[in-house]
Amino acid sequence: MDIKVRTEGARLTIALDGELNTPAAPRFEAAYEQNKSGMNEIVIDMENLVYITSAGLRVLLDIYQEMEETGGTLTVRGVSGDIMDVFEVTGFSSFLHIE
């Protein structure tokens, strides 16, 4: 999986490309942890993401909970139909802000 990180002011955008599976989830989490300081808006760009496992969902949930606790926002954009199906089945679509 390829991970691209971009910051603009207090916005951190993490673009994911490939499969967010068990081996890739720690790299996604590390990209977030290394760049989150001073950020109150997190955008996860999934336009090129083709697959997500429970390990990837856990990282998303952790980011969501942290943003809720600190008053920040998490937006997930570019979600494919297959990944939206996963979000709906797991209930993530009920709390994530998805564009």
PDB file of N, CA and C in Angstrom:
ATOM      1  N   MET A   1       0.833  -1.172   0.000  1.00  0.00           N
ATOM      2  CA  MET A   1       0.000   0.000   0.000  1.00  0.00           C
ATOM      3  C   MET A   1       0.881   1.240   0.000  1.00  0.00           C
ATOM      4  N   ASP A   2       0.439   2.233  -0.749  1.00  0.00           N
ATOM      5  CA  ASP A   2       1.132   3.514  -0.806  1.00  0.00           C
ATOM      6  C   ASP A   2       0.354   4.523   0.035  1.00  0.00           C
ATOM      7  N   ILE A   3       1.071   5.301   0.833  1.00  0.00           N
ATOM      8  CA  ILE A   3       0.456   6.305   1.697  1.00  0.00           C
ATOM      9  C   ILE A   3       1.097   7.647   1.390  1.00  0.00           C
ATOM     10  N   LYS A   4       0.262   8.635   1.076  1.00  0.00           N
ATOM     11  CA  LYS A   4       0.757   9.984   0.829  1.00  0.00           C
ATOM     12  C   LYS A   4       0.147  10.908   1.874  1.00  0.00           C
ATOM     13  N   VAL A   5       0.986  11.757   2.462  1.00  0.00           N
ATOM     14  CA  VAL A   5       0.558  12.668   3.517  1.00  0.00           C
ATOM     15  C   VAL A   5       0.759  14.106   3.031  1.00  0.00           C
ATOM     16  N   ARG A   6      -0.260  14.920   3.265  1.00  0.00           N
ATOM     17  CA  ARG A   6      -0.181  16.330   2.905  1.00  0.00           C
ATOM     18  C   ARG A   6      -0.792  17.157   4.028  1.00  0.00           C
ATOM     19  N   THR A   7      -0.155  18.247   4.374  1.00  0.00           N
ATOM     20  CA  THR A   7      -0.704  19.151   5.382  1.00  0.00           C
ATOM     21  C   THR A   7      -0.959  20.512   4.749  1.00  0.00           C
ATOM     22  N   GLU A   8      -2.062  21.114   5.152  1.00  0.00           N
ATOM     23  CA  GLU A   8      -2.429  22.464   4.731  1.00  0.00           C
ATOM     24  C   GLU A   8      -2.997  23.145   5.963  1.00  0.00           C
ATOM     25  N   GLY A   9      -2.231  24.026   6.567  1.00  0.00           N
ATOM     26  CA  GLY A   9      -2.683  24.667   7.795  1.00  0.00           C
ATOM     27  C   GLY A   9      -2.916  23.614   8.867  1.00  0.00           C
ATOM     28  N   ALA A  10      -4.143  23.567   9.388  1.00  0.00           N
ATOM     29  CA  ALA A  10      -4.491  22.592  10.433  1.00  0.00           C
ATOM     30  C   ALA A  10      -5.168  21.356   9.860  1.00  0.00           C
ATOM     31  N   ARG A  11      -5.075  21.168   8.524  1.00  0.00           N
ATOM     32  CA  ARG A  11      -5.681  19.999   7.876  1.00  0.00           C
ATOM     33  C   ARG A  11      -4.598  19.006   7.477  1.00  0.00           C
ATOM     34  N   LEU A  12      -4.805  17.763   7.883  1.00  0.00           N
ATOM     35  CA  LEU A  12      -3.926  16.662   7.507  1.00  0.00           C
ATOM     36  C   LEU A  12      -4.704  15.745   6.573  1.00  0.00           C
ATOM     37  N   THR A  13      -4.183  15.545   5.374  1.00  0.00           N
ATOM     38  CA  THR A  13      -4.800  14.630   4.417  1.00  0.00           C
ATOM     39  C   THR A  13      -3.885  13.430   4.245  1.00  0.00           C
ATOM     40  N   ILE A  14      -4.466  12.251   4.404  1.00  0.00           N
ATOM     41  CA  ILE A  14      -3.739  10.998   4.199  1.00  0.00           C
ATOM     42  C   ILE A  14      -4.433  10.264   3.054  1.00  0.00           C
ATOM     43  N   ALA A  15      -3.715  10.088   1.953  1.00  0.00           N
ATOM     44  CA  ALA A  15      -4.250   9.386   0.789  1.00  0.00           C
ATOM     45  C   ALA A  15      -3.740   7.952   0.800  1.00  0.00           C
ATOM     46  N   LEU A  16      -4.679   7.030   0.681  1.00  0.00           N
ATOM     47  CA  LEU A  16      -4.358   5.600   0.713  1.00  0.00           C
ATOM     48  C   LEU A  16      -4.543   5.003  -0.673  1.00  0.00           C
ATOM     49  N   ASP A  17      -3.586   4.196  -1.094  1.00  0.00           N
ATOM     50  CA  ASP A  17      -3.621   3.587  -2.417  1.00  0.00           C
ATOM     51  C   ASP A  17      -3.280   2.106  -2.274  1.00  0.00           C
ATOM     52  N   GLY A  18      -4.209   1.245  -2.640  1.00  0.00           N
ATOM     53  CA  GLY A  18      -3.968  -0.200  -2.558  1.00  0.00           C
ATOM     54  C   GLY A  18      -4.880  -0.859  -1.559  1.00  0.00           C
ATOM     55  N   GLU A  19      -4.307  -1.724  -0.727  1.00  0.00           N
ATOM     56  CA  GLU A  19      -5.069  -2.499   0.245  1.00  0.00           C
ATOM     57  C   GLU A  19      -4.683  -2.111   1.666  1.00  0.00           C
ATOM     58  N   LEU A  20      -5.678  -1.711   2.448  1.00  0.00           N
ATOM     59  CA  LEU A  20      -5.451  -1.402   3.859  1.00  0.00           C
ATOM     60  C   LEU A  20      -5.738  -2.675   4.649  1.00  0.00           C
ATOM     61  N   ASN A  21      -4.714  -3.529   4.712  1.00  0.00           N
ATOM     62  CA  ASN A  21      -4.842  -4.830   5.357  1.00  0.00           C
ATOM     63  C   ASN A  21      -3.985  -4.864   6.630  1.00  0.00           C
ATOM     64  N   THR A  22      -3.842  -6.025   7.212  1.00  0.00           N
ATOM     65  CA  THR A  22      -3.114  -6.160   8.478  1.00  0.00           C
ATOM     66  C   THR A  22      -1.672  -5.668   8.392  1.00  0.00           C
ATOM     67  N   PRO A  23      -0.905  -6.002   7.359  1.00  0.00           N
ATOM     68  CA  PRO A  23       0.456  -5.475   7.291  1.00  0.00           C
ATOM     69  C   PRO A  23       0.507  -3.952   7.064  1.00  0.00           C
ATOM     70  N   ALA A  24      -0.471  -3.393   6.356  1.00  0.00           N
ATOM     71  CA  ALA A  24      -0.453  -1.967   6.021  1.00  0.00           C
ATOM     72  C   ALA A  24      -1.005  -1.080   7.129  1.00  0.00           C
ATOM     73  N   ALA A  25      -1.870  -1.606   7.981  1.00  0.00           N
ATOM     74  CA  ALA A  25      -2.521  -0.794   9.023  1.00  0.00           C
ATOM     75  C   ALA A  25      -1.532  -0.080   9.944  1.00  0.00           C
ATOM     76  N   PRO A  26      -0.451  -0.734  10.413  1.00  0.00           N
ATOM     77  CA  PRO A  26       0.505  -0.014  11.253  1.00  0.00           C
ATOM     78  C   PRO A  26       1.184   1.159  10.533  1.00  0.00           C
ATOM     79  N   ARG A  27       1.396   1.039   9.237  1.00  0.00           N
ATOM     80  CA  ARG A  27       1.986   2.144   8.479  1.00  0.00           C
ATOM     81  C   ARG A  27       1.008   3.312   8.363  1.00  0.00           C
ATOM     82  N   PHE A  28      -0.270   3.003   8.191  1.00  0.00           N
ATOM     83  CA  PHE A  28      -1.311   4.032   8.159  1.00  0.00           C
ATOM     84  C   PHE A  28      -1.369   4.739   9.512  1.00  0.00           C
ATOM     85  N   GLU A  29      -1.375   3.957  10.576  1.00  0.00           N
ATOM     86  CA  GLU A  29      -1.414   4.525  11.919  1.00  0.00           C
ATOM     87  C   GLU A  29      -0.179   5.393  12.190  1.00  0.00           C
ATOM     88  N   ALA A  30       0.985   4.929  11.767  1.00  0.00           N
ATOM     89  CA  ALA A  30       2.227   5.686  11.967  1.00  0.00           C
ATOM     90  C   ALA A  30       2.193   6.996  11.187  1.00  0.00           C
ATOM     91  N   ALA A  31       1.666   6.973   9.971  1.00  0.00           N
ATOM     92  CA  ALA A  31       1.569   8.204   9.171  1.00  0.00           C
ATOM     93  C   ALA A  31       0.693   9.223   9.889  1.00  0.00           C
ATOM     94  N   TYR A  32      -0.389   8.754  10.470  1.00  0.00           N
ATOM     95  CA  TYR A  32      -1.266   9.639  11.237  1.00  0.00           C
ATOM     96  C   TYR A  32      -0.549  10.166  12.483  1.00  0.00           C
ATOM     97  N   GLU A  33       0.016   9.271  13.269  1.00  0.00           N
ATOM     98  CA  GLU A  33       0.653   9.645  14.538  1.00  0.00           C
ATOM     99  C   GLU A  33       1.806  10.635  14.325  1.00  0.00           C
ATOM    100  N   GLN A  34       2.579  10.430  13.276  1.00  0.00           N
ATOM    101  CA  GLN A  34       3.744  11.282  13.016  1.00  0.00           C
ATOM    102  C   GLN A  34       3.370  12.678  12.531  1.00  0.00           C
ATOM    103  N   ASN A  35       2.139  12.838  12.048  1.00  0.00           N
ATOM    104  CA  ASN A  35       1.748  14.112  11.428  1.00  0.00           C
ATOM    105  C   ASN A  35       0.559  14.795  12.084  1.00  0.00           C
ATOM    106  N   LYS A  36      -0.001  14.246  13.138  1.00  0.00           N
ATOM    107  CA  LYS A  36      -1.239  14.759  13.708  1.00  0.00           C
ATOM    108  C   LYS A  36      -1.070  16.004  14.581  1.00  0.00           C
ATOM    109  N   SER A  37       0.121  16.283  15.034  1.00  0.00           N
ATOM    110  CA  SER A  37       0.347  17.400  15.951  1.00  0.00           C
ATOM    111  C   SER A  37      -0.139  18.718  15.341  1.00  0.00           C
ATOM    112  N   GLY A  38      -1.016  19.404  16.061  1.00  0.00           N
ATOM    113  CA  GLY A  38      -1.536  20.689  15.624  1.00  0.00           C
ATOM    114  C   GLY A  38      -2.634  20.614  14.581  1.00  0.00           C
ATOM    115  N   MET A  39      -3.048  19.414  14.232  1.00  0.00           N
ATOM    116  CA  MET A  39      -4.078  19.241  13.206  1.00  0.00           C
ATOM    117  C   MET A  39      -5.444  19.042  13.872  1.00  0.00           C
ATOM    118  N   ASN A  40      -6.449  19.774  13.394  1.00  0.00           N
ATOM    119  CA  ASN A  40      -7.791  19.565  13.940  1.00  0.00           C
ATOM    120  C   ASN A  40      -8.781  19.106  12.872  1.00  0.00           C
ATOM    121  N   GLU A  41      -8.278  18.919  11.657  1.00  0.00           N
ATOM    122  CA  GLU A  41      -9.100  18.385  10.576  1.00  0.00           C
ATOM    123  C   GLU A  41      -8.308  17.284   9.883  1.00  0.00           C
ATOM    124  N   ILE A  42      -8.856  16.086   9.915  1.00  0.00           N
ATOM    125  CA  ILE A  42      -8.196  14.935   9.284  1.00  0.00           C
ATOM    126  C   ILE A  42      -9.055  14.492   8.110  1.00  0.00           C
ATOM    127  N   VAL A  43      -8.432  14.335   6.956  1.00  0.00           N
ATOM    128  CA  VAL A  43      -9.112  13.843   5.762  1.00  0.00           C
ATOM    129  C   VAL A  43      -8.401  12.568   5.332  1.00  0.00           C
ATOM    130  N   ILE A  44      -9.169  11.496   5.202  1.00  0.00           N
ATOM    131  CA  ILE A  44      -8.631  10.234   4.690  1.00  0.00           C
ATOM    132  C   ILE A  44      -9.172  10.058   3.277  1.00  0.00           C
ATOM    133  N   ASP A  45      -8.280  10.126   2.311  1.00  0.00           N
ATOM    134  CA  ASP A  45      -8.656  10.009   0.907  1.00  0.00           C
ATOM    135  C   ASP A  45      -8.539   8.539   0.494  1.00  0.00           C
ATOM    136  N   MET A  46      -9.680   7.937   0.188  1.00  0.00           N
ATOM    137  CA  MET A  46      -9.728   6.513  -0.170  1.00  0.00           C
ATOM    138  C   MET A  46     -10.022   6.292  -1.649  1.00  0.00           C
ATOM    139  N   GLU A  47      -9.817   7.310  -2.448  1.00  0.00           N
ATOM    140  CA  GLU A  47     -10.138   7.201  -3.867  1.00  0.00           C
ATOM    141  C   GLU A  47      -9.452   6.009  -4.532  1.00  0.00           C
ATOM    142  N   ASN A  48      -8.223   5.704  -4.118  1.00  0.00           N
ATOM    143  CA  ASN A  48      -7.468   4.609  -4.723  1.00  0.00           C
ATOM    144  C   ASN A  48      -7.344   3.392  -3.812  1.00  0.00           C
ATOM    145  N   LEU A  49      -8.158   3.362  -2.764  1.00  0.00           N
ATOM    146  CA  LEU A  49      -8.148   2.212  -1.865  1.00  0.00           C
ATOM    147  C   LEU A  49      -9.083   1.148  -2.422  1.00  0.00           C
ATOM    148  N   VAL A  50      -8.609  -0.094  -2.502  1.00  0.00           N
ATOM    149  CA  VAL A  50      -9.416  -1.156  -3.104  1.00  0.00           C
ATOM    150  C   VAL A  50      -9.901  -2.189  -2.097  1.00  0.00           C
ATOM    151  N   TYR A  51      -9.350  -2.164  -0.872  1.00  0.00           N
ATOM    152  CA  TYR A  51      -9.677  -3.216   0.091  1.00  0.00           C
ATOM    153  C   TYR A  51      -9.357  -2.702   1.491  1.00  0.00           C
ATOM    154  N   ILE A  52     -10.190  -3.087   2.461  1.00  0.00           N
ATOM    155  CA  ILE A  52      -9.936  -2.715   3.854  1.00  0.00           C
ATOM    156  C   ILE A  52     -10.299  -3.901   4.747  1.00  0.00           C
ATOM    157  N   THR A  53      -9.462  -4.161   5.734  1.00  0.00           N
ATOM    158  CA  THR A  53      -9.721  -5.238   6.688  1.00  0.00           C
ATOM    159  C   THR A  53     -10.067  -4.634   8.042  1.00  0.00           C
ATOM    160  N   SER A  54     -10.325  -5.499   9.005  1.00  0.00           N
ATOM    161  CA  SER A  54     -10.643  -5.038  10.363  1.00  0.00           C
ATOM    162  C   SER A  54      -9.482  -4.266  10.971  1.00  0.00           C
ATOM    163  N   ALA A  55      -8.261  -4.566  10.587  1.00  0.00           N
ATOM    164  CA  ALA A  55      -7.107  -3.821  11.101  1.00  0.00           C
ATOM    165  C   ALA A  55      -7.157  -2.366  10.628  1.00  0.00           C
ATOM    166  N   GLY A  56      -7.532  -2.157   9.397  1.00  0.00           N
ATOM    167  CA  GLY A  56      -7.683  -0.801   8.877  1.00  0.00           C
ATOM    168  C   GLY A  56      -8.857  -0.085   9.524  1.00  0.00           C
ATOM    169  N   LEU A  57      -9.945  -0.809   9.743  1.00  0.00           N
ATOM    170  CA  LEU A  57     -11.109  -0.226  10.420  1.00  0.00           C
ATOM    171  C   LEU A  57     -10.750   0.212  11.836  1.00  0.00           C
ATOM    172  N   ARG A  58      -9.918  -0.568  12.509  1.00  0.00           N
ATOM    173  CA  ARG A  58      -9.519  -0.216  13.872  1.00  0.00           C
ATOM    174  C   ARG A  58      -8.771   1.105  13.893  1.00  0.00           C
ATOM    175  N   VAL A  59      -7.856   1.306  12.925  1.00  0.00           N
ATOM    176  CA  VAL A  59      -7.109   2.557  12.868  1.00  0.00           C
ATOM    177  C   VAL A  59      -8.071   3.721  12.607  1.00  0.00           C
ATOM    178  N   LEU A  60      -9.006   3.532  11.678  1.00  0.00           N
ATOM    179  CA  LEU A  60     -10.005   4.572  11.416  1.00  0.00           C
ATOM    180  C   LEU A  60     -10.805   4.907  12.668  1.00  0.00           C
ATOM    181  N   LEU A  61     -11.214   3.886  13.395  1.00  0.00           N
ATOM    182  CA  LEU A  61     -11.974   4.097  14.626  1.00  0.00           C
ATOM    183  C   LEU A  61     -11.142   4.854  15.646  1.00  0.00           C
ATOM    184  N   ASP A  62      -9.884   4.506  15.787  1.00  0.00           N
ATOM    185  CA  ASP A  62      -9.000   5.215  16.728  1.00  0.00           C
ATOM    186  C   ASP A  62      -8.877   6.692  16.360  1.00  0.00           C
ATOM    187  N   ILE A  63      -8.708   6.979  15.076  1.00  0.00           N
ATOM    188  CA  ILE A  63      -8.601   8.367  14.627  1.00  0.00           C
ATOM    189  C   ILE A  63      -9.909   9.102  14.892  1.00  0.00           C
ATOM    190  N   TYR A  64     -11.023   8.459  14.563  1.00  0.00           N
ATOM    191  CA  TYR A  64     -12.331   9.066  14.804  1.00  0.00           C
ATOM    192  C   TYR A  64     -12.516   9.408  16.283  1.00  0.00           C
ATOM    193  N   GLN A  65     -12.210   8.460  17.152  1.00  0.00           N
ATOM    194  CA  GLN A  65     -12.379   8.688  18.589  1.00  0.00           C
ATOM    195  C   GLN A  65     -11.483   9.814  19.091  1.00  0.00           C
ATOM    196  N   GLU A  66     -10.264   9.872  18.598  1.00  0.00           N
ATOM    197  CA  GLU A  66      -9.364  10.948  19.003  1.00  0.00           C
ATOM    198  C   GLU A  66      -9.890  12.307  18.549  1.00  0.00           C
ATOM    199  N   MET A  67     -10.395  12.372  17.335  1.00  0.00           N
ATOM    200  CA  MET A  67     -10.946  13.638  16.838  1.00  0.00           C
ATOM    201  C   MET A  67     -12.189  14.047  17.634  1.00  0.00           C
ATOM    202  N   GLU A  68     -13.005  13.083  18.001  1.00  0.00           N
ATOM    203  CA  GLU A  68     -14.181  13.372  18.828  1.00  0.00           C
ATOM    204  C   GLU A  68     -13.768  13.938  20.182  1.00  0.00           C
ATOM    205  N   GLU A  69     -12.751  13.356  20.777  1.00  0.00           N
ATOM    206  CA  GLU A  69     -12.285  13.784  22.109  1.00  0.00           C
ATOM    207  C   GLU A  69     -11.649  15.165  22.078  1.00  0.00           C
ATOM    208  N   THR A  70     -10.994  15.508  20.969  1.00  0.00           N
ATOM    209  CA  THR A  70     -10.271  16.778  20.897  1.00  0.00           C
ATOM    210  C   THR A  70     -11.046  17.876  20.186  1.00  0.00           C
ATOM    211  N   GLY A  71     -12.253  17.556  19.721  1.00  0.00           N
ATOM    212  CA  GLY A  71     -13.064  18.554  19.031  1.00  0.00           C
ATOM    213  C   GLY A  71     -12.691  18.746  17.575  1.00  0.00           C
ATOM    214  N   GLY A  72     -11.914  17.838  17.026  1.00  0.00           N
ATOM    215  CA  GLY A  72     -11.539  17.899  15.620  1.00  0.00           C
ATOM    216  C   GLY A  72     -12.542  17.166  14.751  1.00  0.00           C
ATOM    217  N   THR A  73     -12.251  17.117  13.463  1.00  0.00           N
ATOM    218  CA  THR A  73     -13.136  16.425  12.531  1.00  0.00           C
ATOM    219  C   THR A  73     -12.357  15.395  11.719  1.00  0.00           C
ATOM    220  N   LEU A  74     -13.059  14.347  11.352  1.00  0.00           N
ATOM    221  CA  LEU A  74     -12.524  13.322  10.460  1.00  0.00           C
ATOM    222  C   LEU A  74     -13.471  13.198   9.282  1.00  0.00           C
ATOM    223  N   THR A  75     -12.936  13.325   8.090  1.00  0.00           N
ATOM    224  CA  THR A  75     -13.711  13.152   6.869  1.00  0.00           C
ATOM    225  C   THR A  75     -13.060  12.053   6.051  1.00  0.00           C
ATOM    226  N   VAL A  76     -13.882  11.153   5.543  1.00  0.00           N
ATOM    227  CA  VAL A  76     -13.409  10.089   4.656  1.00  0.00           C
ATOM    228  C   VAL A  76     -14.002  10.381   3.286  1.00  0.00           C
ATOM    229  N   ARG A  77     -13.154  10.466   2.271  1.00  0.00           N
ATOM    230  CA  ARG A  77     -13.668  10.801   0.942  1.00  0.00           C
ATOM    231  C   ARG A  77     -13.173   9.812  -0.102  1.00  0.00           C
ATOM    232  N   GLY A  78     -13.904   9.781  -1.215  1.00  0.00           N
ATOM    233  CA  GLY A  78     -13.514   8.929  -2.329  1.00  0.00           C
ATOM    234  C   GLY A  78     -13.728   7.455  -2.069  1.00  0.00           C
ATOM    235  N   VAL A  79     -14.755   7.121  -1.301  1.00  0.00           N
ATOM    236  CA  VAL A  79     -14.999   5.732  -0.902  1.00  0.00           C
ATOM    237  C   VAL A  79     -15.669   4.968  -2.045  1.00  0.00           C
ATOM    238  N   SER A  80     -15.085   3.835  -2.409  1.00  0.00           N
ATOM    239  CA  SER A  80     -15.659   2.990  -3.466  1.00  0.00           C
ATOM    240  C   SER A  80     -16.893   2.259  -2.937  1.00  0.00           C
ATOM    241  N   GLY A  81     -17.640   1.685  -3.854  1.00  0.00           N
ATOM    242  CA  GLY A  81     -18.829   0.926  -3.473  1.00  0.00           C
ATOM    243  C   GLY A  81     -18.512  -0.247  -2.570  1.00  0.00           C
ATOM    244  N   ASP A  82     -17.429  -0.957  -2.865  1.00  0.00           N
ATOM    245  CA  ASP A  82     -17.064  -2.120  -2.045  1.00  0.00           C
ATOM    246  C   ASP A  82     -16.703  -1.713  -0.622  1.00  0.00           C
ATOM    247  N   ILE A  83     -15.963  -0.631  -0.486  1.00  0.00           N
ATOM    248  CA  ILE A  83     -15.573  -0.195   0.855  1.00  0.00           C
ATOM    249  C   ILE A  83     -16.774   0.405   1.581  1.00  0.00           C
ATOM    250  N   MET A  84     -17.656   1.078   0.844  1.00  0.00           N
ATOM    251  CA  MET A  84     -18.887   1.583   1.463  1.00  0.00           C
ATOM    252  C   MET A  84     -19.722   0.425   1.993  1.00  0.00           C
ATOM    253  N   ASP A  85     -19.754  -0.677   1.275  1.00  0.00           N
ATOM    254  CA  ASP A  85     -20.462  -1.867   1.758  1.00  0.00           C
ATOM    255  C   ASP A  85     -19.891  -2.315   3.103  1.00  0.00           C
ATOM    256  N   VAL A  86     -18.567  -2.312   3.227  1.00  0.00           N
ATOM    257  CA  VAL A  86     -17.921  -2.693   4.494  1.00  0.00           C
ATOM    258  C   VAL A  86     -18.325  -1.710   5.590  1.00  0.00           C
ATOM    259  N   PHE A  87     -18.308  -0.413   5.278  1.00  0.00           N
ATOM    260  CA  PHE A  87     -18.699   0.597   6.262  1.00  0.00           C
ATOM    261  C   PHE A  87     -20.148   0.405   6.710  1.00  0.00           C
ATOM    262  N   GLU A  88     -21.016   0.056   5.776  1.00  0.00           N
ATOM    263  CA  GLU A  88     -22.430  -0.144   6.121  1.00  0.00           C
ATOM    264  C   GLU A  88     -22.632  -1.393   6.970  1.00  0.00           C
ATOM    265  N   VAL A  89     -21.983  -2.482   6.608  1.00  0.00           N
ATOM    266  CA  VAL A  89     -22.132  -3.732   7.357  1.00  0.00           C
ATOM    267  C   VAL A  89     -21.580  -3.601   8.774  1.00  0.00           C
ATOM    268  N   THR A  90     -20.488  -2.861   8.928  1.00  0.00           N
ATOM    269  CA  THR A  90     -19.844  -2.725  10.234  1.00  0.00           C
ATOM    270  C   THR A  90     -20.422  -1.582  11.073  1.00  0.00           C
ATOM    271  N   GLY A  91     -21.274  -0.757  10.466  1.00  0.00           N
ATOM    272  CA  GLY A  91     -21.848   0.370  11.187  1.00  0.00           C
ATOM    273  C   GLY A  91     -21.019   1.637  11.114  1.00  0.00           C
ATOM    274  N   PHE A  92     -19.877   1.592  10.458  1.00  0.00           N
ATOM    275  CA  PHE A  92     -19.019   2.771  10.358  1.00  0.00           C
ATOM    276  C   PHE A  92     -19.714   3.907   9.605  1.00  0.00           C
ATOM    277  N   SER A  93     -20.606   3.547   8.677  1.00  0.00           N
ATOM    278  CA  SER A  93     -21.291   4.591   7.910  1.00  0.00           C
ATOM    279  C   SER A  93     -22.234   5.414   8.791  1.00  0.00           C
ATOM    280  N   SER A  94     -22.560   4.920   9.974  1.00  0.00           N
ATOM    281  CA  SER A  94     -23.484   5.652  10.844  1.00  0.00           C
ATOM    282  C   SER A  94     -22.792   6.763  11.625  1.00  0.00           C
ATOM    283  N   PHE A  95     -21.453   6.738  11.706  1.00  0.00           N
ATOM    284  CA  PHE A  95     -20.771   7.791  12.454  1.00  0.00           C
ATOM    285  C   PHE A  95     -19.677   8.508  11.682  1.00  0.00           C
ATOM    286  N   LEU A  96     -19.149   7.900  10.645  1.00  0.00           N
ATOM    287  CA  LEU A  96     -18.121   8.572   9.844  1.00  0.00           C
ATOM    288  C   LEU A  96     -18.758   9.635   8.950  1.00  0.00           C
ATOM    289  N   HIS A  97     -18.057  10.745   8.771  1.00  0.00           N
ATOM    290  CA  HIS A  97     -18.472  11.742   7.781  1.00  0.00           C
ATOM    291  C   HIS A  97     -17.838  11.330   6.468  1.00  0.00           C
ATOM    292  N   ILE A  98     -18.666  10.876   5.527  1.00  0.00           N
ATOM    293  CA  ILE A  98     -18.181  10.325   4.258  1.00  0.00           C
ATOM    294  C   ILE A  98     -18.619  11.238   3.119  1.00  0.00           C
ATOM    295  N   GLU A  99     -17.650  11.652   2.326  1.00  0.00           N
ATOM    296  CA  GLU A  99     -17.950  12.504   1.160  1.00  0.00           C
ATOM    297  C   GLU A  99     -17.768  11.719  -0.121  1.00  0.00           C
TER     298      GLU A  99
END
